[in-house]
């Protein structure tokens, strides 16, 4: 029994230590090519900076070697996948920005409904009136379109942008 324990301990000591996935580590593909550098590691995800894109990948997708993290994608494949995902997100956002679509604020509450699209601006009608917001300020989340204001802030912006009533000079 002691011989087996000693043999197992010797094998563990002889095995090369696997490098942990840490910030700054070089990520390589299965052919040894450089994919990128680890930019961050958090919550089971690894952000790999390819030099062209920063891509979040589940930590479980990596192999580890004594030299560092290993990914079963080349830099070109990872960049192509990242760029395709960005293009898909942009297309989904563009198709969601339509008259009748609900727009939510930063706190999740509804700030209004899109009434029309005017070039780069989107007219949103809320309880207190209508305001034009930049389409580039809209994001698409699981529950629909969002804009970077709370419902209260949007209401104040609508009031501030409304033309002042002018009294008739009789």
Protein backbone atom coordinates (compact mmCIF):
# COMPACT_ATOMS: atom_id res chain seq x y z
CA UNK A 1 0.00 0.00 0.00
CA UNK A 2 2.82 2.38 0.88
CA UNK A 3 4.44 1.68 -2.51
CA UNK A 4 1.24 2.72 -4.33
CA UNK A 5 0.95 5.91 -2.27
CA UNK A 6 4.58 6.77 -2.94
CA UNK A 7 4.15 6.00 -6.65
CA UNK A 8 1.01 8.18 -6.88
CA UNK A 9 2.79 11.06 -5.12
CA UNK A 10 5.75 10.74 -7.48
CA UNK A 11 3.45 10.80 -10.52
CA UNK A 12 1.73 13.96 -9.28
CA UNK A 13 5.07 15.66 -8.74
CA UNK A 14 6.28 14.63 -12.19
CA UNK A 15 3.15 15.87 -14.00
CA UNK A 16 3.45 19.39 -15.39
CA UNK A 17 1.25 21.88 -13.60
CA UNK A 18 -1.62 23.21 -15.69
CA UNK A 19 -1.62 26.96 -16.00
CA UNK A 20 -4.68 28.70 -14.58
CA UNK A 21 -6.66 31.08 -16.77
CA UNK A 22 -5.52 34.45 -15.52
CA UNK A 23 -5.62 38.01 -16.82
CA UNK A 24 -2.77 38.53 -19.25
CA UNK A 25 -2.50 34.85 -20.22
CA UNK A 26 -1.97 34.12 -23.89
CA UNK A 27 -4.78 32.01 -25.35
CA UNK A 28 -3.69 29.58 -28.06
CA UNK A 29 -5.62 27.41 -30.50
CA UNK A 30 -5.18 23.66 -30.85
CA UNK A 31 -2.48 24.19 -33.50
CA UNK A 32 -0.47 26.46 -31.22
CA UNK A 33 -1.49 29.71 -32.90
CA UNK A 34 -2.15 32.75 -30.74
CA UNK A 35 -5.86 33.57 -30.45
CA UNK A 36 -5.53 36.51 -28.06
CA UNK A 37 -4.98 37.56 -24.47
CA UNK A 38 -7.19 37.07 -21.43
CA UNK A 39 -8.59 40.52 -20.60
CA UNK A 40 -10.72 39.44 -17.60
CA UNK A 41 -12.05 36.42 -15.77
CA UNK A 42 -15.29 36.64 -13.76
CA UNK A 43 -18.41 34.64 -12.96
CA UNK A 44 -17.36 31.61 -15.01
CA UNK A 45 -16.60 33.69 -18.11
CA UNK A 46 -13.35 34.69 -19.78
CA UNK A 47 -12.99 37.79 -21.95
CA UNK A 48 -10.46 37.20 -24.72
CA UNK A 49 -8.99 40.22 -26.50
CA UNK A 50 -8.02 39.19 -30.03
CA UNK A 51 -6.71 42.64 -30.89
CA UNK A 52 -9.79 43.19 -33.06
CA UNK A 53 -12.58 42.09 -30.69
CA UNK A 54 -13.19 41.41 -27.03
CA UNK A 55 -15.17 38.19 -26.80
CA UNK A 56 -16.80 36.69 -23.69
CA UNK A 57 -16.46 32.91 -23.62
CA UNK A 58 -17.57 30.45 -20.91
CA UNK A 59 -14.57 29.28 -18.91
CA UNK A 60 -15.70 25.68 -19.47
CA UNK A 61 -14.94 26.12 -23.20
CA UNK A 62 -11.21 26.30 -22.51
CA UNK A 63 -8.69 23.57 -22.11
CA UNK A 64 -5.61 24.24 -20.07
CA UNK A 65 -2.03 23.32 -20.79
CA UNK A 66 1.21 24.02 -18.94
CA UNK A 67 1.63 26.99 -21.32
CA UNK A 68 -1.81 28.47 -20.66
CA UNK A 69 -5.42 28.42 -21.86
CA UNK A 70 -6.36 26.52 -25.01
CA UNK A 71 -9.34 27.25 -27.26
CA UNK A 72 -10.68 25.10 -30.09
CA UNK A 73 -11.01 28.15 -32.38
CA UNK A 74 -8.43 30.12 -34.30
CA UNK A 75 -8.15 33.90 -33.99
CA UNK A 76 -9.80 34.26 -37.42
CA UNK A 77 -12.69 31.98 -36.43
CA UNK A 78 -13.24 33.80 -33.11
CA UNK A 79 -13.12 37.23 -34.80
CA UNK A 80 -15.57 36.06 -37.49
CA UNK A 81 -17.97 34.69 -34.85
CA UNK A 82 -17.76 37.93 -32.83
CA UNK A 83 -18.39 40.11 -35.87
CA UNK A 84 -21.33 37.94 -36.95
CA UNK A 85 -22.84 38.22 -33.45
CA UNK A 86 -22.49 42.03 -33.49
CA UNK A 87 -24.10 42.22 -36.95
CA UNK A 88 -26.96 39.99 -35.75
CA UNK A 89 -27.52 42.18 -32.66
CA UNK A 90 -27.60 45.32 -34.82
CA UNK A 91 -30.11 43.72 -37.18
CA UNK A 92 -32.34 42.64 -34.29
CA UNK A 93 -32.20 46.16 -32.80
CA UNK A 94 -33.01 47.78 -36.15
CA UNK A 95 -36.03 45.51 -36.65
CA UNK A 96 -37.28 46.24 -33.12
CA UNK A 97 -37.26 50.02 -33.65
CA UNK A 98 -40.70 50.33 -35.20
CA UNK A 99 -43.76 52.52 -34.64
CA UNK A 100 -45.86 51.01 -31.88
CA UNK A 101 -42.88 49.49 -30.03
CA UNK A 102 -42.73 50.07 -26.28
CA UNK A 103 -39.65 51.79 -24.88
CA UNK A 104 -38.56 51.15 -21.30
CA UNK A 105 -36.32 53.28 -19.12
CA UNK A 106 -33.33 52.44 -16.97
CA UNK A 107 -35.53 51.18 -14.13
CA UNK A 108 -37.54 48.92 -16.45
CA UNK A 109 -40.67 51.08 -16.42
CA UNK A 110 -42.35 52.07 -19.67
CA UNK A 111 -41.39 55.57 -20.80
CA UNK A 112 -43.46 55.58 -23.95
CA UNK A 113 -44.25 54.18 -27.37
CA UNK A 114 -42.49 54.88 -30.64
CA UNK A 115 -44.78 56.95 -32.86
CA UNK A 116 -42.46 57.53 -35.82
CA UNK A 117 -38.90 57.25 -37.04
CA UNK A 118 -37.30 60.42 -38.38
CA UNK A 119 -33.86 59.55 -39.74
CA UNK A 120 -31.55 59.09 -36.75
CA UNK A 121 -34.26 60.22 -34.32
CA UNK A 122 -37.16 58.26 -32.90
CA UNK A 123 -40.31 60.01 -31.66
CA UNK A 124 -41.45 58.49 -28.37
CA UNK A 125 -44.80 59.43 -26.86
CA UNK A 126 -45.14 59.11 -23.11
CA UNK A 127 -47.81 60.13 -20.62
CA UNK A 128 -46.63 63.76 -20.60
CA UNK A 129 -46.09 64.24 -24.31
CA UNK A 130 -43.66 63.33 -27.04
CA UNK A 131 -39.90 63.68 -27.38
CA UNK A 132 -37.39 62.77 -30.04
CA UNK A 133 -34.53 60.60 -28.90
CA UNK A 134 -31.52 59.31 -30.84
CA UNK A 135 -32.05 55.80 -32.20
CA UNK A 136 -28.42 55.13 -31.26
CA UNK A 137 -29.44 55.53 -27.59
CA UNK A 138 -31.77 52.54 -27.75
CA UNK A 139 -30.70 49.05 -26.71
CA UNK A 140 -32.50 45.76 -27.12
CA UNK A 141 -32.86 43.64 -24.00
CA UNK A 142 -34.89 40.52 -23.24
CA UNK A 143 -37.98 42.58 -22.40
CA UNK A 144 -37.71 44.93 -25.39
CA UNK A 145 -36.27 48.34 -26.19
CA UNK A 146 -34.60 50.43 -23.48
CA UNK A 147 -33.41 54.02 -23.34
CA UNK A 148 -30.92 55.49 -20.85
CA UNK A 149 -33.42 57.49 -18.77
CA UNK A 150 -35.87 56.58 -16.06
CA UNK A 151 -39.56 57.21 -16.71
CA UNK A 152 -39.39 60.28 -14.42
CA UNK A 153 -36.36 61.67 -16.27
CA UNK A 154 -38.10 61.15 -19.60
CA UNK A 155 -41.21 62.96 -18.33
CA UNK A 156 -39.01 65.89 -17.23
CA UNK A 157 -37.26 65.94 -20.61
CA UNK A 158 -40.62 66.03 -22.38
CA UNK A 159 -41.72 68.98 -20.22
CA UNK A 160 -38.45 70.81 -20.83
CA UNK A 161 -38.64 70.33 -24.60
CA UNK A 162 -42.31 71.36 -24.92
CA UNK A 163 -42.77 74.81 -26.44
CA UNK A 164 -43.81 77.38 -23.89
CA UNK A 165 -47.41 78.52 -24.05
CA UNK A 166 -47.57 82.04 -25.30
CA UNK A 167 -50.26 84.35 -24.02
CA UNK A 168 -52.12 86.27 -26.63
CA UNK A 169 -51.40 89.95 -26.63
CA UNK A 170 -54.86 91.08 -26.77
